[in-house]
Each structure stands twice: as C-alpha cells, then as structure tokens.
Amino acid sequence: MAAATAITARRGNDQFRGLFSDTWSVKATLNASSLADGAGETNTIAVPGVTLGDIVMNISMGVDVSGISITPYVSAADVVSIRFQNESGGTLDLASTTVKCVVVRLV
C-alpha cells in the first residue's frame, strides 16, 4: 500500500448551500503499485475533518486508468481511501499522478 504525498485540501461550503454542511476539495499525488490481473490495492489520503458517512463525490486521475476500477470512500476519521482493482487481463502499472476529489457532508 502506498500513502499519498504532496497533499492539499481546502475546506468550505461555498457551493450547494443548504445541501451540504461541509465540503473538502482534495488534491494529492499518488503512486500506486504495479497490479497483476485480479489484484487490488487501497491507498490513503489524510484529509483532516472528514468522518465516516461523508461522501466522496468521485475522483479524477491525471493518467489513463483503462482496465482499473477506482473506488474512493471515507474509511475512517480524517482518511479518504482509494481502492484500485485491476480487471484488465494483464499487469498494469499506473504512473505517479495527481488525484483530485471532492468530499461532502450532507446536512
């Protein structure tokens, strides 16, 4: 498992007033391991203030992830986890990249 580096997060609720009580804009650098077909890996990003029940509204990657499914979620207080699962039929190795996501807390 690789931990994220170069993490930046901005907390606020300027958008969607009344729907979310808080939002986090997260940007981090990740370098996932090489994954054989059928293998998976979960990486973590420290995001102060998030809690279980908060929603990760999706994720963008700065590289082509063809063949790898990506599932972001809040796994614990102050932690966003990103699960990479390779179902491509071959080994894939994503390059180090910038990951961006938005985490929200419903009112």
C-alpha atoms as a PDB file:
ATOM      1  CA  MET A   1       0.000   0.000   0.000  1.00  0.00           C
ATOM      2  CA  ALA A   2       1.299   3.440  -0.920  1.00  0.00           C
ATOM      3  CA  ALA A   3       0.454   6.565   1.055  1.00  0.00           C
ATOM      4  CA  ALA A   4      -0.310   9.799  -0.773  1.00  0.00           C
ATOM      5  CA  THR A   5       2.206  12.640  -0.760  1.00  0.00           C
ATOM      6  CA  ALA A   6       2.024  16.371  -1.550  1.00  0.00           C
ATOM      7  CA  ILE A   7      -1.489  16.630  -0.118  1.00  0.00           C
ATOM      8  CA  THR A   8      -3.551  19.799  -0.253  1.00  0.00           C
ATOM      9  CA  ALA A   9      -7.115  20.141   0.959  1.00  0.00           C
ATOM     10  CA  ARG A  10      -9.457  23.127   1.124  1.00  0.00           C
ATOM     11  CA  ARG A  11     -12.409  23.022   3.445  1.00  0.00           C
ATOM     12  CA  GLY A  12     -15.526  25.106   2.965  1.00  0.00           C
ATOM     13  CA  ASN A  13     -19.180  25.047   1.953  1.00  0.00           C
ATOM     14  CA  ASP A  14     -19.478  27.889  -0.569  1.00  0.00           C
ATOM     15  CA  GLN A  15     -21.210  25.694  -3.176  1.00  0.00           C
ATOM     16  CA  PHE A  16     -24.558  23.958  -2.722  1.00  0.00           C
ATOM     17  CA  ARG A  17     -25.515  25.988   0.355  1.00  0.00           C
ATOM     18  CA  GLY A  18     -28.226  24.245   2.324  1.00  0.00           C
ATOM     19  CA  LEU A  19     -27.456  20.803   0.874  1.00  0.00           C
ATOM     20  CA  PHE A  20     -24.010  20.170   2.352  1.00  0.00           C
ATOM     21  CA  SER A  21     -22.851  21.283   5.764  1.00  0.00           C
ATOM     22  CA  ASP A  22     -19.205  20.986   4.718  1.00  0.00           C
ATOM     23  CA  THR A  23     -17.071  20.243   1.661  1.00  0.00           C
ATOM     24  CA  TRP A  24     -13.428  19.361   1.083  1.00  0.00           C
ATOM     25  CA  SER A  25     -11.572  19.846  -2.180  1.00  0.00           C
ATOM     26  CA  VAL A  26      -8.744  17.310  -2.107  1.00  0.00           C
ATOM     27  CA  LYS A  27      -5.654  17.160  -4.315  1.00  0.00           C
ATOM     28  CA  ALA A  28      -2.819  14.698  -3.715  1.00  0.00           C
ATOM     29  CA  THR A  29      -0.022  12.899  -5.532  1.00  0.00           C
ATOM     30  CA  LEU A  30      -0.316   9.096  -5.605  1.00  0.00           C
ATOM     31  CA  ASN A  31       1.930   6.392  -6.990  1.00  0.00           C
ATOM     32  CA  ALA A  32       0.002   3.124  -6.974  1.00  0.00           C
ATOM     33  CA  SER A  33       1.864  -0.173  -7.194  1.00  0.00           C
ATOM     34  CA  SER A  34       2.010  -2.374 -10.268  1.00  0.00           C
ATOM     35  CA  LEU A  35      -1.076  -4.607 -10.196  1.00  0.00           C
ATOM     36  CA  ALA A  36      -1.390  -8.068 -11.728  1.00  0.00           C
ATOM     37  CA  ASP A  37      -4.730  -9.026 -13.273  1.00  0.00           C
ATOM     38  CA  GLY A  38      -7.274  -9.555 -10.484  1.00  0.00           C
ATOM     39  CA  ALA A  39      -5.117  -7.764  -7.903  1.00  0.00           C
ATOM     40  CA  GLY A  40      -6.131  -4.693  -5.964  1.00  0.00           C
ATOM     41  CA  GLU A  41      -4.624  -2.089  -3.691  1.00  0.00           C
ATOM     42  CA  THR A  42      -6.018   0.537  -1.340  1.00  0.00           C
ATOM     43  CA  ASN A  43      -4.184   3.847  -0.901  1.00  0.00           C
ATOM     44  CA  THR A  44      -4.994   6.503   1.684  1.00  0.00           C
ATOM     45  CA  ILE A  45      -5.036  10.292   1.811  1.00  0.00           C
ATOM     46  CA  ALA A  46      -5.106  12.182   5.122  1.00  0.00           C
ATOM     47  CA  VAL A  47      -7.978  14.697   4.954  1.00  0.00           C
ATOM     48  CA  PRO A  48      -8.451  16.427   8.314  1.00  0.00           C
ATOM     49  CA  GLY A  49     -12.092  16.745   9.357  1.00  0.00           C
ATOM     50  CA  VAL A  50     -13.752  14.044   7.234  1.00  0.00           C
ATOM     51  CA  THR A  51     -15.693  11.366   9.103  1.00  0.00           C
ATOM     52  CA  LEU A  52     -17.407   8.080   8.335  1.00  0.00           C
ATOM     53  CA  GLY A  53     -20.629   8.823   6.481  1.00  0.00           C
ATOM     54  CA  ASP A  54     -19.139  11.670   4.428  1.00  0.00           C
ATOM     55  CA  ILE A  55     -19.413  11.177   0.664  1.00  0.00           C
ATOM     56  CA  VAL A  56     -16.580  11.179  -1.862  1.00  0.00           C
ATOM     57  CA  MET A  57     -18.280  12.650  -4.942  1.00  0.00           C
ATOM     58  CA  ASN A  58     -15.947  10.904  -7.397  1.00  0.00           C
ATOM     59  CA  ILE A  59     -12.331  11.141  -8.346  1.00  0.00           C
ATOM     60  CA  SER A  60     -10.198  12.290 -11.246  1.00  0.00           C
ATOM     61  CA  MET A  61      -6.796  10.916 -12.151  1.00  0.00           C
ATOM     62  CA  GLY A  62      -4.084  12.564 -14.227  1.00  0.00           C
ATOM     63  CA  VAL A  63      -3.316   9.303 -16.093  1.00  0.00           C
ATOM     64  CA  ASP A  64      -5.225   6.783 -18.200  1.00  0.00           C
ATOM     65  CA  VAL A  65      -6.676   4.130 -15.878  1.00  0.00           C
ATOM     66  CA  SER A  66      -8.032   1.829 -18.584  1.00  0.00           C
ATOM     67  CA  GLY A  67      -8.716  -1.591 -17.082  1.00  0.00           C
ATOM     68  CA  ILE A  68      -8.526  -0.444 -13.464  1.00  0.00           C
ATOM     69  CA  SER A  69     -11.651   0.309 -11.459  1.00  0.00           C
ATOM     70  CA  ILE A  70     -11.280   3.031  -8.839  1.00  0.00           C
ATOM     71  CA  THR A  71     -13.462   3.367  -5.749  1.00  0.00           C
ATOM     72  CA  PRO A  72     -12.945   6.353  -3.414  1.00  0.00           C
ATOM     73  CA  TYR A  73     -14.529   6.426   0.059  1.00  0.00           C
ATOM     74  CA  VAL A  74     -14.078   7.771   3.583  1.00  0.00           C
ATOM     75  CA  SER A  75     -12.692   4.812   5.534  1.00  0.00           C
ATOM     76  CA  ALA A  76     -12.102   6.450   8.935  1.00  0.00           C
ATOM     77  CA  ALA A  77     -11.963   9.839  10.612  1.00  0.00           C
ATOM     78  CA  ASP A  78      -9.552  12.067   8.650  1.00  0.00           C
ATOM     79  CA  VAL A  79      -8.908   9.389   5.975  1.00  0.00           C
ATOM     80  CA  VAL A  80     -10.036   9.068   2.355  1.00  0.00           C
ATOM     81  CA  SER A  81      -9.213   5.662   0.855  1.00  0.00           C
ATOM     82  CA  ILE A  82      -8.899   4.916  -2.843  1.00  0.00           C
ATOM     83  CA  ARG A  83      -9.259   1.301  -3.979  1.00  0.00           C
ATOM     84  CA  PHE A  84      -7.591   0.322  -7.270  1.00  0.00           C
ATOM     85  CA  GLN A  85      -8.730  -3.005  -8.768  1.00  0.00           C
ATOM     86  CA  ASN A  86      -7.146  -4.401 -11.946  1.00  0.00           C
ATOM     87  CA  GLU A  87      -9.510  -6.471 -14.088  1.00  0.00           C
ATOM     88  CA  SER A  88      -7.770  -5.796 -17.419  1.00  0.00           C
ATOM     89  CA  GLY A  89      -6.455  -9.279 -18.133  1.00  0.00           C
ATOM     90  CA  GLY A  90      -2.814  -8.195 -17.752  1.00  0.00           C
ATOM     91  CA  THR A  91      -0.464  -6.379 -15.404  1.00  0.00           C
ATOM     92  CA  LEU A  92      -0.881  -2.599 -15.187  1.00  0.00           C
ATOM     93  CA  ASP A  93       1.340  -0.007 -13.544  1.00  0.00           C
ATOM     94  CA  LEU A  94      -0.086   3.498 -13.245  1.00  0.00           C
ATOM     95  CA  ALA A  95       2.444   6.305 -13.287  1.00  0.00           C
ATOM     96  CA  SER A  96       2.651   8.674 -10.337  1.00  0.00           C
ATOM     97  CA  THR A  97      -0.173  11.160 -10.789  1.00  0.00           C
ATOM     98  CA  THR A  98      -2.303  13.865  -9.256  1.00  0.00           C
ATOM     99  CA  VAL A  99      -5.581  12.674  -7.753  1.00  0.00           C
ATOM    100  CA  LYS A 100      -8.459  15.117  -7.203  1.00  0.00           C
ATOM    101  CA  CYS A 101     -11.731  14.528  -5.415  1.00  0.00           C
ATOM    102  CA  VAL A 102     -14.479  16.333  -3.545  1.00  0.00           C
ATOM    103  CA  VAL A 103     -15.758  15.111  -0.195  1.00  0.00           C
ATOM    104  CA  VAL A 104     -19.110  16.374   1.118  1.00  0.00           C
ATOM    105  CA  ARG A 105     -21.121  16.097   4.311  1.00  0.00           C
ATOM    106  CA  LEU A 106     -24.897  16.191   3.974  1.00  0.00           C
ATOM    107  CA  VAL A 107     -26.870  18.498   6.252  1.00  0.00           C
END
